PDB file of N, CA and C in Angstrom:
ATOM      1  N   MET A   1      11.994  -4.375 -22.747  1.00  0.00           N
ATOM      2  CA  MET A   1      11.291  -5.841 -23.455  1.00  0.00           C
ATOM      3  C   MET A   1       9.694  -5.725 -22.726  1.00  0.00           C
ATOM      4  N   ALA A   2       8.157  -5.572 -23.157  1.00  0.00           N
ATOM      5  CA  ALA A   2       7.216  -4.976 -22.006  1.00  0.00           C
ATOM      6  C   ALA A   2       7.010  -6.590 -21.684  1.00  0.00           C
ATOM      7  N   ASN A   3       6.865  -7.376 -21.931  1.00  0.00           N
ATOM      8  CA  ASN A   3       7.264  -8.685 -21.495  1.00  0.00           C
ATOM      9  C   ASN A   3       7.937  -9.816 -20.483  1.00  0.00           C
ATOM     10  N   GLN A   4       8.900  -8.574 -19.590  1.00  0.00           N
ATOM     11  CA  GLN A   4       9.943  -8.908 -18.379  1.00  0.00           C
ATOM     12  C   GLN A   4       9.705  -7.483 -17.470  1.00  0.00           C
ATOM     13  N   LEU A   5      10.435  -8.758 -17.040  1.00  0.00           N
ATOM     14  CA  LEU A   5       9.938  -7.890 -15.496  1.00  0.00           C
ATOM     15  C   LEU A   5      11.395  -7.746 -15.055  1.00  0.00           C
ATOM     16  N   HIS A   6      12.308  -6.309 -14.018  1.00  0.00           N
ATOM     17  CA  HIS A   6      13.784  -5.947 -13.909  1.00  0.00           C
ATOM     18  C   HIS A   6      13.143  -6.997 -12.522  1.00  0.00           C
ATOM     19  N   VAL A   7      14.054  -7.693 -11.666  1.00  0.00           N
ATOM     20  CA  VAL A   7      13.514  -8.352 -10.525  1.00  0.00           C
ATOM     21  C   VAL A   7      15.186  -8.462  -9.588  1.00  0.00           C
ATOM     22  N   GLU A   8      14.960  -7.903  -8.740  1.00  0.00           N
ATOM     23  CA  GLU A   8      16.685  -8.206  -7.611  1.00  0.00           C
ATOM     24  C   GLU A   8      16.308  -8.599  -6.498  1.00  0.00           C
ATOM     25  N   VAL A   9      17.195  -9.227  -5.984  1.00  0.00           N
ATOM     26  CA  VAL A   9      16.989 -10.288  -5.395  1.00  0.00           C
ATOM     27  C   VAL A   9      18.205  -9.920  -4.409  1.00  0.00           C
ATOM     28  N   VAL A  10      18.398  -8.792  -3.249  1.00  0.00           N
ATOM     29  CA  VAL A  10      18.914  -8.250  -2.481  1.00  0.00           C
ATOM     30  C   VAL A  10      18.951  -9.004  -1.120  1.00  0.00           C
ATOM     31  N   ALA A  11      20.063  -9.345  -0.423  1.00  0.00           N
ATOM     32  CA  ALA A  11      20.237  -9.963   0.872  1.00  0.00           C
ATOM     33  C   ALA A  11      20.669  -8.144   1.585  1.00  0.00           C
ATOM     34  N   VAL A  12      21.009  -8.464   3.155  1.00  0.00           N
ATOM     35  CA  VAL A  12      21.407  -7.397   3.832  1.00  0.00           C
ATOM     36  C   VAL A  12      22.845  -6.551   4.223  1.00  0.00           C
ATOM     37  N   GLU A  13      23.778  -7.827   3.168  1.00  0.00           N
ATOM     38  CA  GLU A  13      25.581  -7.437   3.199  1.00  0.00           C
ATOM     39  C   GLU A  13      25.291  -7.946   1.342  1.00  0.00           C
ATOM     40  N   GLU A  14      25.053  -8.131   0.660  1.00  0.00           N
ATOM     41  CA  GLU A  14      25.519  -8.165  -0.881  1.00  0.00           C
ATOM     42  C   GLU A  14      24.050  -8.486  -1.199  1.00  0.00           C
ATOM     43  N   LYS A  15      23.926  -8.525  -3.085  1.00  0.00           N
ATOM     44  CA  LYS A  15      23.168  -8.160  -4.467  1.00  0.00           C
ATOM     45  C   LYS A  15      23.177 -10.177  -4.770  1.00  0.00           C
ATOM     46  N   ILE A  16      22.203 -10.517  -4.629  1.00  0.00           N
ATOM     47  CA  ILE A  16      21.915 -12.366  -4.724  1.00  0.00           C
ATOM     48  C   ILE A  16      21.596 -12.116  -6.380  1.00  0.00           C
ATOM     49  N   TRP A  17      21.137 -11.874  -6.907  1.00  0.00           N
ATOM     50  CA  TRP A  17      21.019 -12.058  -8.510  1.00  0.00           C
ATOM     51  C   TRP A  17      20.079 -10.917  -9.088  1.00  0.00           C
ATOM     52  N   SER A  18      20.364 -10.663  -9.583  1.00  0.00           N
ATOM     53  CA  SER A  18      19.960  -8.958 -10.827  1.00  0.00           C
ATOM     54  C   SER A  18      19.299  -9.378 -12.226  1.00  0.00           C
ATOM     55  N   GLY A  19      17.860  -9.088 -13.172  1.00  0.00           N
ATOM     56  CA  GLY A  19      18.148  -9.738 -13.924  1.00  0.00           C
ATOM     57  C   GLY A  19      16.597  -9.284 -14.632  1.00  0.00           C
ATOM     58  N   GLU A  20      16.225 -10.587 -15.697  1.00  0.00           N
ATOM     59  CA  GLU A  20      14.717 -10.508 -16.693  1.00  0.00           C
ATOM     60  C   GLU A  20      14.037 -11.544 -16.574  1.00  0.00           C
ATOM     61  N   ALA A  21      13.267 -11.531 -15.648  1.00  0.00           N
ATOM     62  CA  ALA A  21      11.880 -12.091 -15.482  1.00  0.00           C
ATOM     63  C   ALA A  21      10.823 -12.295 -16.109  1.00  0.00           C
ATOM     64  N   GLU A  22       9.840 -13.701 -15.888  1.00  0.00           N
ATOM     65  CA  GLU A  22       8.963 -13.612 -16.687  1.00  0.00           C
ATOM     66  C   GLU A  22       8.047 -13.325 -15.825  1.00  0.00           C
ATOM     67  N   MET A  23       8.137 -13.811 -14.465  1.00  0.00           N
ATOM     68  CA  MET A  23       7.221 -14.290 -13.510  1.00  0.00           C
ATOM     69  C   MET A  23       8.201 -13.989 -12.406  1.00  0.00           C
ATOM     70  N   LEU A  24       7.295 -13.757 -10.857  1.00  0.00           N
ATOM     71  CA  LEU A  24       8.071 -13.493 -10.122  1.00  0.00           C
ATOM     72  C   LEU A  24       7.357 -14.767  -8.524  1.00  0.00           C
ATOM     73  N   VAL A  25       7.333 -14.933  -7.951  1.00  0.00           N
ATOM     74  CA  VAL A  25       6.249 -15.589  -6.728  1.00  0.00           C
ATOM     75  C   VAL A  25       7.083 -15.479  -5.447  1.00  0.00           C
ATOM     76  N   ALA A  26       6.636 -15.447  -4.333  1.00  0.00           N
ATOM     77  CA  ALA A  26       6.851 -14.842  -3.154  1.00  0.00           C
ATOM     78  C   ALA A  26       5.626 -15.119  -2.358  1.00  0.00           C
ATOM     79  N   ARG A  27       6.316 -15.907  -0.897  1.00  0.00           N
ATOM     80  CA  ARG A  27       4.932 -15.526  -0.077  1.00  0.00           C
ATOM     81  C   ARG A  27       5.773 -14.735   1.070  1.00  0.00           C
ATOM     82  N   THR A  28       4.279 -13.812   1.159  1.00  0.00           N
ATOM     83  CA  THR A  28       3.865 -12.900   2.122  1.00  0.00           C
ATOM     84  C   THR A  28       3.308 -13.548   3.108  1.00  0.00           C
ATOM     85  N   THR A  29       3.029 -12.230   3.986  1.00  0.00           N
ATOM     86  CA  THR A  29       2.175 -12.494   5.144  1.00  0.00           C
ATOM     87  C   THR A  29       0.744 -12.474   4.838  1.00  0.00           C
ATOM     88  N   GLU A  30       0.474 -12.215   4.262  1.00  0.00           N
ATOM     89  CA  GLU A  30      -0.805 -12.035   2.805  1.00  0.00           C
ATOM     90  C   GLU A  30      -1.401 -13.037   2.372  1.00  0.00           C
ATOM     91  N   GLY A  31      -0.625 -14.167   2.595  1.00  0.00           N
ATOM     92  CA  GLY A  31      -0.408 -14.865   1.302  1.00  0.00           C
ATOM     93  C   GLY A  31       0.261 -14.997   0.099  1.00  0.00           C
ATOM     94  N   GLU A  32       0.516 -16.045  -0.469  1.00  0.00           N
ATOM     95  CA  GLU A  32       1.623 -16.356  -2.223  1.00  0.00           C
ATOM     96  C   GLU A  32       1.028 -14.711  -3.376  1.00  0.00           C
ATOM     97  N   LEU A  33       2.094 -14.758  -3.835  1.00  0.00           N
ATOM     98  CA  LEU A  33       1.880 -13.279  -4.382  1.00  0.00           C
ATOM     99  C   LEU A  33       2.908 -14.048  -5.822  1.00  0.00           C
ATOM    100  N   GLY A  34       1.619 -13.824  -7.420  1.00  0.00           N
ATOM    101  CA  GLY A  34       2.305 -14.053  -8.490  1.00  0.00           C
ATOM    102  C   GLY A  34       2.864 -12.433  -9.255  1.00  0.00           C
ATOM    103  N   VAL A  35       3.770 -12.141  -9.528  1.00  0.00           N
ATOM    104  CA  VAL A  35       4.138 -11.306 -10.038  1.00  0.00           C
ATOM    105  C   VAL A  35       4.701 -11.141 -11.481  1.00  0.00           C
ATOM    106  N   LEU A  36       3.673 -10.615 -12.594  1.00  0.00           N
ATOM    107  CA  LEU A  36       3.348 -10.000 -13.987  1.00  0.00           C
ATOM    108  C   LEU A  36       4.236  -8.666 -14.136  1.00  0.00           C
ATOM    109  N   PRO A  37       4.422  -8.758 -15.405  1.00  0.00           N
ATOM    110  CA  PRO A  37       5.049  -7.469 -15.849  1.00  0.00           C
ATOM    111  C   PRO A  37       3.431  -6.674 -15.894  1.00  0.00           C
ATOM    112  N   GLY A  38       3.754  -5.349 -15.730  1.00  0.00           N
ATOM    113  CA  GLY A  38       2.627  -4.074 -15.249  1.00  0.00           C
ATOM    114  C   GLY A  38       1.497  -4.308 -14.040  1.00  0.00           C
ATOM    115  N   HIS A  39       2.664  -5.400 -13.287  1.00  0.00           N
ATOM    116  CA  HIS A  39       1.427  -5.630 -11.850  1.00  0.00           C
ATOM    117  C   HIS A  39       1.645  -3.657 -11.099  1.00  0.00           C
ATOM    118  N   ALA A  40       0.645  -3.841 -10.218  1.00  0.00           N
ATOM    119  CA  ALA A  40       0.336  -2.385  -9.931  1.00  0.00           C
ATOM    120  C   ALA A  40       1.418  -1.659  -8.380  1.00  0.00           C
ATOM    121  N   PRO A  41       1.820  -1.505  -8.183  1.00  0.00           N
ATOM    122  CA  PRO A  41       3.065  -0.962  -6.893  1.00  0.00           C
ATOM    123  C   PRO A  41       2.308  -1.884  -5.977  1.00  0.00           C
ATOM    124  N   LEU A  42       2.933  -2.134  -5.174  1.00  0.00           N
ATOM    125  CA  LEU A  42       3.171  -2.810  -3.978  1.00  0.00           C
ATOM    126  C   LEU A  42       3.996  -2.904  -2.779  1.00  0.00           C
ATOM    127  N   LEU A  43       3.513  -3.048  -1.824  1.00  0.00           N
ATOM    128  CA  LEU A  43       5.074  -2.981  -0.138  1.00  0.00           C
ATOM    129  C   LEU A  43       4.383  -3.954   0.337  1.00  0.00           C
ATOM    130  N   GLY A  44       5.101  -5.187   0.143  1.00  0.00           N
ATOM    131  CA  GLY A  44       4.703  -6.175   1.182  1.00  0.00           C
ATOM    132  C   GLY A  44       5.573  -6.985   2.181  1.00  0.00           C
ATOM    133  N   GLN A  45       5.379  -7.304   3.806  1.00  0.00           N
ATOM    134  CA  GLN A  45       6.371  -8.180   4.078  1.00  0.00           C
ATOM    135  C   GLN A  45       6.328  -9.993   4.168  1.00  0.00           C
ATOM    136  N   LEU A  46       7.724 -10.516   3.594  1.00  0.00           N
ATOM    137  CA  LEU A  46       7.937 -11.681   3.890  1.00  0.00           C
ATOM    138  C   LEU A  46       7.741 -12.385   4.775  1.00  0.00           C
ATOM    139  N   ALA A  47       7.257 -13.629   4.348  1.00  0.00           N
ATOM    140  CA  ALA A  47       6.682 -14.579   5.386  1.00  0.00           C
ATOM    141  C   ALA A  47       7.890 -15.041   5.695  1.00  0.00           C
ATOM    142  N   GLU A  48       8.055 -16.216   7.287  1.00  0.00           N
ATOM    143  CA  GLU A  48       8.924 -16.234   7.287  1.00  0.00           C
ATOM    144  C   GLU A  48       8.735 -17.957   7.727  1.00  0.00           C
ATOM    145  N   PRO A  49       9.677 -18.761   7.562  1.00  0.00           N
ATOM    146  CA  PRO A  49      10.868 -18.598   6.135  1.00  0.00           C
ATOM    147  C   PRO A  49       9.767 -18.925   5.211  1.00  0.00           C
ATOM    148  N   GLY A  50       9.961 -18.237   4.491  1.00  0.00           N
ATOM    149  CA  GLY A  50       9.848 -18.246   2.544  1.00  0.00           C
ATOM    150  C   GLY A  50      10.684 -18.510   1.386  1.00  0.00           C
ATOM    151  N   GLN A  51      10.107 -18.662   0.545  1.00  0.00           N
ATOM    152  CA  GLN A  51      10.973 -18.897  -0.693  1.00  0.00           C
ATOM    153  C   GLN A  51      10.132 -18.030  -1.887  1.00  0.00           C
ATOM    154  N   VAL A  52      11.321 -17.730  -2.152  1.00  0.00           N
ATOM    155  CA  VAL A  52      11.002 -16.339  -3.548  1.00  0.00           C
ATOM    156  C   VAL A  52      11.316 -17.664  -4.801  1.00  0.00           C
ATOM    157  N   ARG A  53      10.645 -17.559  -5.422  1.00  0.00           N
ATOM    158  CA  ARG A  53      11.096 -17.979  -6.684  1.00  0.00           C
ATOM    159  C   ARG A  53      10.556 -17.134  -8.168  1.00  0.00           C
ATOM    160  N   VAL A  54      11.976 -17.280  -8.738  1.00  0.00           N
ATOM    161  CA  VAL A  54      11.929 -16.399 -10.146  1.00  0.00           C
ATOM    162  C   VAL A  54      11.537 -17.492 -11.667  1.00  0.00           C
ATOM    163  N   LYS A  55      10.936 -16.793 -12.325  1.00  0.00           N
ATOM    164  CA  LYS A  55      10.549 -17.699 -13.724  1.00  0.00           C
ATOM    165  C   LYS A  55      11.166 -16.990 -14.734  1.00  0.00           C
ATOM    166  N   ILE A  56      12.265 -17.883 -15.262  1.00  0.00           N
ATOM    167  CA  ILE A  56      13.304 -16.751 -16.497  1.00  0.00           C
ATOM    168  C   ILE A  56      13.008 -17.463 -17.709  1.00  0.00           C
ATOM    169  N   SER A  57      13.615 -16.743 -18.881  1.00  0.00           N
ATOM    170  CA  SER A  57      12.756 -16.782 -20.153  1.00  0.00           C
ATOM    171  C   SER A  57      13.843 -18.487 -20.581  1.00  0.00           C
ATOM    172  N   GLY A  58      12.506 -19.322 -21.378  1.00  0.00           N
ATOM    173  CA  GLY A  58      12.816 -20.565 -22.204  1.00  0.00           C
ATOM    174  C   GLY A  58      12.198 -21.528 -20.708  1.00  0.00           C
ATOM    175  N   GLY A  59      11.434 -21.078 -19.422  1.00  0.00           N
ATOM    176  CA  GLY A  59      11.025 -21.737 -18.822  1.00  0.00           C
ATOM    177  C   GLY A  59      12.045 -22.164 -17.590  1.00  0.00           C
ATOM    178  N   ASP A  60      13.037 -21.667 -17.115  1.00  0.00           N
ATOM    179  CA  ASP A  60      13.939 -21.721 -16.645  1.00  0.00           C
ATOM    180  C   ASP A  60      13.744 -21.416 -15.480  1.00  0.00           C
ATOM    181  N   GLU A  61      13.910 -21.573 -13.759  1.00  0.00           N
ATOM    182  CA  GLU A  61      13.476 -21.050 -12.657  1.00  0.00           C
ATOM    183  C   GLU A  61      14.197 -20.915 -11.620  1.00  0.00           C
ATOM    184  N   ILE A  62      14.563 -20.109 -10.674  1.00  0.00           N
ATOM    185  CA  ILE A  62      15.405 -19.963  -9.508  1.00  0.00           C
ATOM    186  C   ILE A  62      14.706 -19.922  -8.587  1.00  0.00           C
ATOM    187  N   SER A  63      15.181 -20.102  -7.284  1.00  0.00           N
ATOM    188  CA  SER A  63      14.315 -20.643  -6.261  1.00  0.00           C
ATOM    189  C   SER A  63      15.288 -20.333  -5.518  1.00  0.00           C
ATOM    190  N   TYR A  64      15.076 -19.248  -4.368  1.00  0.00           N
ATOM    191  CA  TYR A  64      15.909 -18.846  -3.157  1.00  0.00           C
ATOM    192  C   TYR A  64      15.290 -19.232  -1.377  1.00  0.00           C
ATOM    193  N   ASP A  65      15.712 -19.733  -0.893  1.00  0.00           N
ATOM    194  CA  ASP A  65      15.292 -19.234   0.552  1.00  0.00           C
ATOM    195  C   ASP A  65      15.633 -18.473   0.988  1.00  0.00           C
ATOM    196  N   VAL A  66      14.606 -17.407   1.799  1.00  0.00           N
ATOM    197  CA  VAL A  66      14.222 -16.231   2.442  1.00  0.00           C
ATOM    198  C   VAL A  66      14.247 -16.420   3.712  1.00  0.00           C
ATOM    199  N   SER A  67      14.890 -15.378   4.438  1.00  0.00           N
ATOM    200  CA  SER A  67      14.452 -14.884   5.788  1.00  0.00           C
ATOM    201  C   SER A  67      14.668 -13.317   5.728  1.00  0.00           C
ATOM    202  N   GLY A  68      12.967 -13.277   6.496  1.00  0.00           N
ATOM    203  CA  GLY A  68      12.444 -11.724   6.537  1.00  0.00           C
ATOM    204  C   GLY A  68      12.931 -11.247   5.915  1.00  0.00           C
ATOM    205  N   GLY A  69      12.022  -9.291   5.939  1.00  0.00           N
ATOM    206  CA  GLY A  69      12.486  -8.708   4.822  1.00  0.00           C
ATOM    207  C   GLY A  69      11.382  -8.123   3.922  1.00  0.00           C
ATOM    208  N   PHE A  70      11.377  -7.694   3.049  1.00  0.00           N
ATOM    209  CA  PHE A  70      10.463  -6.964   2.549  1.00  0.00           C
ATOM    210  C   PHE A  70      10.166  -7.188   0.701  1.00  0.00           C
ATOM    211  N   LEU A  71       9.369  -7.099   0.314  1.00  0.00           N
ATOM    212  CA  LEU A  71       9.254  -7.394  -1.532  1.00  0.00           C
ATOM    213  C   LEU A  71       8.571  -5.971  -2.002  1.00  0.00           C
ATOM    214  N   SER A  72       9.156  -5.192  -2.588  1.00  0.00           N
ATOM    215  CA  SER A  72       8.893  -3.852  -3.552  1.00  0.00           C
ATOM    216  C   SER A  72       8.738  -4.058  -4.772  1.00  0.00           C
ATOM    217  N   ILE A  73       7.208  -3.846  -5.313  1.00  0.00           N
ATOM    218  CA  ILE A  73       6.900  -3.079  -7.114  1.00  0.00           C
ATOM    219  C   ILE A  73       6.599  -2.012  -7.334  1.00  0.00           C
ATOM    220  N   THR A  74       7.199  -1.696  -7.932  1.00  0.00           N
ATOM    221  CA  THR A  74       7.448  -0.431  -8.187  1.00  0.00           C
ATOM    222  C   THR A  74       7.496  -0.523 -10.238  1.00  0.00           C
ATOM    223  N   ASP A  75       7.466   0.758 -10.726  1.00  0.00           N
ATOM    224  CA  ASP A  75       6.558   0.309 -11.829  1.00  0.00           C
ATOM    225  C   ASP A  75       8.754  -0.149 -12.984  1.00  0.00           C
ATOM    226  N   GLU A  76       9.527  -0.051 -12.197  1.00  0.00           N
ATOM    227  CA  GLU A  76      10.622  -0.047 -12.943  1.00  0.00           C
ATOM    228  C   GLU A  76      10.782  -1.414 -12.612  1.00  0.00           C
ATOM    229  N   GLY A  77       9.938  -2.652 -11.580  1.00  0.00           N
ATOM    230  CA  GLY A  77      10.206  -3.981 -11.273  1.00  0.00           C
ATOM    231  C   GLY A  77       9.960  -3.783  -9.889  1.00  0.00           C
ATOM    232  N   VAL A  78      10.551  -5.158  -9.760  1.00  0.00           N
ATOM    233  CA  VAL A  78      10.610  -6.181  -8.482  1.00  0.00           C
ATOM    234  C   VAL A  78      11.952  -5.746  -7.848  1.00  0.00           C
ATOM    235  N   THR A  79      11.923  -5.823  -6.198  1.00  0.00           N
ATOM    236  CA  THR A  79      13.116  -5.653  -5.066  1.00  0.00           C
ATOM    237  C   THR A  79      12.998  -6.523  -4.150  1.00  0.00           C
ATOM    238  N   VAL A  80      13.369  -7.887  -4.079  1.00  0.00           N
ATOM    239  CA  VAL A  80      13.139  -8.765  -2.434  1.00  0.00           C
ATOM    240  C   VAL A  80      14.437  -8.355  -2.077  1.00  0.00           C
ATOM    241  N   LEU A  81      14.490  -7.403  -0.602  1.00  0.00           N
ATOM    242  CA  LEU A  81      14.958  -7.043   0.447  1.00  0.00           C
ATOM    243  C   LEU A  81      14.780  -8.240   1.413  1.00  0.00           C
ATOM    244  N   ALA A  82      15.675  -9.019   1.469  1.00  0.00           N
ATOM    245  CA  ALA A  82      15.778 -10.318   2.681  1.00  0.00           C
ATOM    246  C   ALA A  82      16.722 -10.209   3.311  1.00  0.00           C
ATOM    247  N   GLU A  83      16.634  -9.622   5.370  1.00  0.00           N
ATOM    248  CA  GLU A  83      17.757 -10.136   6.185  1.00  0.00           C
ATOM    249  C   GLU A  83      18.472 -11.178   5.938  1.00  0.00           C
ATOM    250  N   SER A  84      18.437 -12.666   4.896  1.00  0.00           N
ATOM    251  CA  SER A  84      18.620 -13.621   4.165  1.00  0.00           C
ATOM    252  C   SER A  84      18.431 -14.152   3.296  1.00  0.00           C
ATOM    253  N   ALA A  85      19.520 -14.825   2.232  1.00  0.00           N
ATOM    254  CA  ALA A  85      18.831 -15.331   0.957  1.00  0.00           C
ATOM    255  C   ALA A  85      20.429 -15.743   0.602  1.00  0.00           C
ATOM    256  N   GLU A  86      19.943 -17.465   0.217  1.00  0.00           N
ATOM    257  CA  GLU A  86      20.532 -18.496  -0.346  1.00  0.00           C
ATOM    258  C   GLU A  86      20.067 -18.903  -1.440  1.00  0.00           C
ATOM    259  N   GLN A  87      20.581 -19.255  -2.609  1.00  0.00           N
ATOM    260  CA  GLN A  87      20.044 -20.113  -3.346  1.00  0.00           C
ATOM    261  C   GLN A  87      18.856 -21.429  -2.476  1.00  0.00           C
ATOM    262  N   ALA A  88      18.014 -21.736  -3.301  1.00  0.00           N
ATOM    263  CA  ALA A  88      17.162 -23.293  -2.549  1.00  0.00           C
ATOM    264  C   ALA A  88      17.960 -24.628  -3.693  1.00  0.00           C
ATOM    265  N   ALA A  89      18.499 -25.174  -2.821  1.00  0.00           N
ATOM    266  CA  ALA A  89      18.300 -26.714  -3.834  1.00  0.00           C
ATOM    267  C   ALA A  89      16.907 -26.829  -4.524  1.00  0.00           C
ATOM    268  N   PRO A  90      17.803 -27.287  -5.920  1.00  0.00           N
ATOM    269  CA  PRO A  90      17.087 -27.781  -6.786  1.00  0.00           C
ATOM    270  C   PRO A  90      15.830 -28.975  -6.464  1.00  0.00           C
ATOM    271  N   ALA A  91      14.888 -28.591  -6.591  1.00  0.00           N
ATOM    272  CA  ALA A  91      13.355 -29.584  -6.454  1.00  0.00           C
ATOM    273  C   ALA A  91      13.784 -30.963  -7.473  1.00  0.00           C
ATOM    274  N   ALA A  92      13.844 -32.298  -6.463  1.00  0.00           N
ATOM    275  CA  ALA A  92      13.844 -33.179  -6.853  1.00  0.00           C
ATOM    276  C   ALA A  92      12.950 -33.970  -8.531  1.00  0.00           C
ATOM    277  N   ARG A  93      13.212 -34.635  -9.105  1.00  0.00           N
ATOM    278  CA  ARG A  93      12.143 -34.712 -10.508  1.00  0.00           C
ATOM    279  C   ARG A  93      11.768 -36.007 -10.262  1.00  0.00           C
TER     280      ARG A  93
END
């Protein structure tokens, strides 16, 4: 699908999440970055502490608290390689 972005969230010792998403938002040392399908290739250093938000189909969102690492955007998708990553607690509504 052209409107989907392949995303992998990987910590040093394990793959945390992999799948198709509509958008990814991450905070890098250069500022917050939103990634949509077709984004130009980029390599960025994740801000510490940081959070990566993956927006999946149907309006759902998965958030991960990350520590250290990098964000790589290629033609194949986005890879978040963090020193540590764990699913964030859901935001209160």
